[in-house]
Amino acid sequence: MDSQISDGYIILRKYNKEDLLNRYSAIKDNLQEISKWLSFCRPDYTETQNLLWYVAYNKNWDNKIEFPFAIIEKESGSYIGECVLNHINHLHKLANVTYWIKKEFTGKGTTTRAVKLAAKFGFEKLELRRIEIFMEPENIASIKVAEKAGAVKEGILRNRIFSNEISKDALMYSLIPGDLK
């Protein structure tokens, strides 16, 4: 299965070992911004946890359970962040997409590009019929990404997110193949 997709500006590719230090550094450097929304991003996140993540995600990729992509700026080859197709349900042909990027790339449409590419991969390579994006209602940046990617807001899911020992509501957006046209 293809492990890379590009729109000419960014590349989504399967993580390799060389990306690990960049991922770890990006998490640490952007902890204040992304820790509000991603429960694994905590001040005590270690390089060992990052390595264990890499080992697990590679197995999940090979088993077609989860597809984590490093987001790479095509021109410079710089690591930008990550976009992941996960919670894949092959029976019902649906998945979830999550994303985060380094703060210096926010507000430039980069994450929207990544979501569209991940959705394209899901629809074309995995034959998915639906990709869900959910986020806390206060996560304005993520809402903007979902909407700019063409996702449709479907409503509020009660107690959908469990973070810092608290159940939280989530907004649900979805993409179907026709939304990318």
Protein backbone atom coordinates (compact mmCIF):
# COMPACT_ATOMS: atom_id res chain seq x y z
CA MET A 1 0.00 0.00 0.00
CA ASP A 2 1.23 3.49 -0.82
CA SER A 3 2.91 5.12 2.14
CA GLN A 4 3.03 8.66 0.75
CA ILE A 5 0.65 11.20 -0.79
CA SER A 6 1.26 14.83 -1.81
CA ASP A 7 -0.58 17.89 -3.09
CA GLY A 8 2.59 19.62 -4.33
CA TYR A 9 2.96 21.71 -1.16
CA ILE A 10 2.98 19.09 1.59
CA ILE A 11 3.67 15.38 1.75
CA LEU A 12 1.91 12.96 4.06
CA ARG A 13 4.10 9.93 4.53
CA LYS A 14 4.42 6.94 6.77
CA TYR A 15 6.73 7.78 9.67
CA ASN A 16 10.30 6.58 9.49
CA LYS A 17 12.89 6.40 12.27
CA GLU A 18 14.45 9.68 11.15
CA ASP A 19 11.14 11.44 11.88
CA LEU A 20 11.11 10.36 15.53
CA LEU A 21 13.38 13.08 16.91
CA ASN A 22 11.52 15.71 14.86
CA ARG A 23 8.17 14.46 16.20
CA TYR A 24 9.40 14.42 19.79
CA SER A 25 10.92 17.91 19.50
CA ALA A 26 7.76 19.28 17.86
CA ILE A 27 5.59 17.87 20.65
CA LYS A 28 7.84 19.39 23.31
CA ASP A 29 8.16 22.75 21.51
CA ASN A 30 4.38 23.00 20.92
CA LEU A 31 3.22 21.43 24.15
CA GLN A 32 1.31 24.51 25.33
CA GLU A 33 -0.78 24.62 22.16
CA ILE A 34 -1.47 20.94 21.56
CA SER A 35 -1.71 19.61 25.12
CA LYS A 36 -5.08 21.34 25.54
CA TRP A 37 -6.58 19.01 22.96
CA LEU A 38 -4.45 15.86 22.84
CA SER A 39 -4.24 13.87 26.05
CA PHE A 40 -0.93 12.14 25.23
CA CYS A 41 0.83 15.52 24.99
CA ARG A 42 1.91 16.11 28.57
CA PRO A 43 5.00 17.71 30.05
CA ASP A 44 6.24 14.27 31.14
CA TYR A 45 6.08 12.80 27.60
CA THR A 46 9.40 11.00 27.05
CA GLU A 47 11.56 9.90 24.15
CA THR A 48 10.89 6.32 25.23
CA GLN A 49 7.13 6.88 24.92
CA ASN A 50 7.74 8.40 21.50
CA LEU A 51 9.69 5.30 20.43
CA LEU A 52 7.00 2.97 21.79
CA TRP A 53 4.41 5.00 19.88
CA TYR A 54 6.44 4.52 16.69
CA VAL A 55 6.69 0.75 17.16
CA ALA A 56 2.95 0.44 17.86
CA TYR A 57 1.88 2.66 14.99
CA ASN A 58 4.08 0.81 12.51
CA LYS A 59 2.43 -2.46 13.51
CA ASN A 60 -0.98 -0.83 13.25
CA TRP A 61 -0.12 0.50 9.77
CA ASP A 62 0.96 -2.95 8.63
CA ASN A 63 -2.27 -4.42 10.03
CA LYS A 64 -4.34 -1.63 8.38
CA ILE A 65 -5.72 -0.55 11.77
CA GLU A 66 -4.27 2.96 11.89
CA PHE A 67 -2.38 5.19 9.48
CA PRO A 68 -0.20 7.86 11.09
CA PHE A 69 1.32 10.30 8.64
CA ALA A 70 4.19 12.68 9.18
CA ILE A 71 3.32 16.02 7.55
CA ILE A 72 6.35 17.22 5.60
CA GLU A 73 6.79 20.52 3.77
CA LYS A 74 7.68 19.41 0.26
CA GLU A 75 10.04 22.25 -0.65
CA SER A 76 12.20 22.17 2.48
CA GLY A 77 11.63 18.61 3.68
CA SER A 78 10.79 20.04 7.12
CA TYR A 79 8.64 18.12 9.57
CA ILE A 80 5.41 20.09 10.18
CA GLY A 81 3.27 17.80 12.33
CA GLU A 82 1.04 14.79 12.09
CA CYS A 83 -2.24 13.60 10.62
CA VAL A 84 -3.64 10.19 11.59
CA LEU A 85 -6.44 8.04 10.22
CA ASN A 86 -7.50 5.92 13.18
CA HIS A 87 -10.45 4.10 14.72
CA ILE A 88 -10.85 2.43 11.35
CA ASN A 89 -13.97 0.29 11.00
CA HIS A 90 -13.54 -1.79 7.85
CA LEU A 91 -17.02 -3.30 8.11
CA HIS A 92 -18.78 0.07 8.00
CA LYS A 93 -16.01 1.72 5.94
CA LEU A 94 -15.36 4.62 8.28
CA ALA A 95 -12.49 6.15 10.23
CA ASN A 96 -11.54 9.14 12.33
CA VAL A 97 -8.88 11.70 11.46
CA THR A 98 -6.78 13.61 13.99
CA TYR A 99 -4.14 16.24 13.38
CA TRP A 100 -1.73 18.72 14.90
CA ILE A 101 0.99 20.95 13.51
CA LYS A 102 3.82 23.10 14.76
CA LYS A 103 2.72 26.59 15.75
CA GLU A 104 4.77 28.33 13.06
CA PHE A 105 2.66 26.58 10.39
CA THR A 106 -0.76 27.46 11.82
CA GLY A 107 -3.04 29.79 9.91
CA LYS A 108 -1.55 28.90 6.52
CA GLY A 109 -3.95 26.18 5.42
CA THR A 110 -1.38 23.46 6.03
CA THR A 111 -3.56 21.39 8.35
CA THR A 112 -6.52 21.68 5.99
CA ARG A 113 -4.31 20.34 3.20
CA ALA A 114 -3.24 17.45 5.43
CA VAL A 115 -6.83 16.54 6.31
CA LYS A 116 -7.86 16.58 2.66
CA LEU A 117 -4.90 14.38 1.71
CA ALA A 118 -5.59 11.93 4.54
CA ALA A 119 -9.25 11.78 3.51
CA LYS A 120 -8.24 11.20 -0.12
CA PHE A 121 -5.99 8.35 1.02
CA GLY A 122 -8.82 6.90 3.11
CA PHE A 123 -11.39 7.10 0.32
CA GLU A 124 -9.12 5.91 -2.49
CA LYS A 125 -6.77 3.41 -0.84
CA LEU A 126 -8.90 2.09 2.04
CA GLU A 127 -12.25 2.41 0.24
CA LEU A 128 -13.75 4.28 3.19
CA ARG A 129 -17.14 5.95 2.78
CA ARG A 130 -16.98 8.27 5.80
CA ILE A 131 -14.29 10.04 7.81
CA GLU A 132 -15.18 11.62 11.12
CA ILE A 133 -13.53 14.57 12.81
CA PHE A 134 -14.48 15.39 16.36
CA MET A 135 -13.18 18.02 18.71
CA GLU A 136 -14.06 19.94 21.83
CA PRO A 137 -16.43 22.85 21.08
CA GLU A 138 -13.77 25.28 22.37
CA ASN A 139 -11.16 24.09 19.87
CA ILE A 140 -11.76 26.88 17.36
CA ALA A 141 -8.65 26.11 15.28
CA SER A 142 -9.73 22.50 14.76
CA ILE A 143 -13.26 23.57 13.87
CA LYS A 144 -11.86 25.92 11.21
CA VAL A 145 -9.72 23.11 9.77
CA ALA A 146 -12.70 20.75 9.55
CA GLU A 147 -14.89 23.38 7.89
CA LYS A 148 -12.20 24.51 5.43
CA ALA A 149 -11.59 20.85 4.51
CA GLY A 150 -15.25 20.65 3.50
CA ALA A 151 -16.48 18.60 6.45
CA VAL A 152 -20.11 18.90 7.46
CA LYS A 153 -21.05 19.64 11.06
CA GLU A 154 -23.40 16.97 12.35
CA GLY A 155 -23.92 17.89 15.99
CA ILE A 156 -22.73 17.46 19.54
CA LEU A 157 -21.74 14.10 20.96
CA ARG A 158 -22.24 14.01 24.70
CA ASN A 159 -19.32 12.73 26.82
CA ARG A 160 -17.39 11.73 23.66
CA ILE A 161 -13.96 12.81 24.90
CA PHE A 162 -12.32 11.69 28.12
CA SER A 163 -9.40 13.95 29.02
CA ASN A 164 -7.69 14.71 32.32
CA GLU A 165 -10.18 12.48 34.15
CA ILE A 166 -13.13 14.49 32.79
CA SER A 167 -15.77 13.48 30.24
CA LYS A 168 -16.34 16.22 27.69
CA ASP A 169 -18.75 16.84 24.85
CA ALA A 170 -17.45 16.94 21.27
CA LEU A 171 -18.53 18.48 18.01
CA MET A 172 -18.83 15.91 15.21
CA TYR A 173 -17.96 16.71 11.62
CA SER A 174 -17.76 14.25 8.76
CA LEU A 175 -16.37 13.95 5.26
CA ILE A 176 -17.72 11.67 2.56
CA PRO A 177 -16.10 11.18 -0.86
CA GLY A 178 -18.25 13.80 -2.59
CA ASP A 179 -17.12 16.48 -0.12
CA LEU A 180 -13.61 16.54 -1.61
CA LYS A 181 -14.75 17.41 -5.12
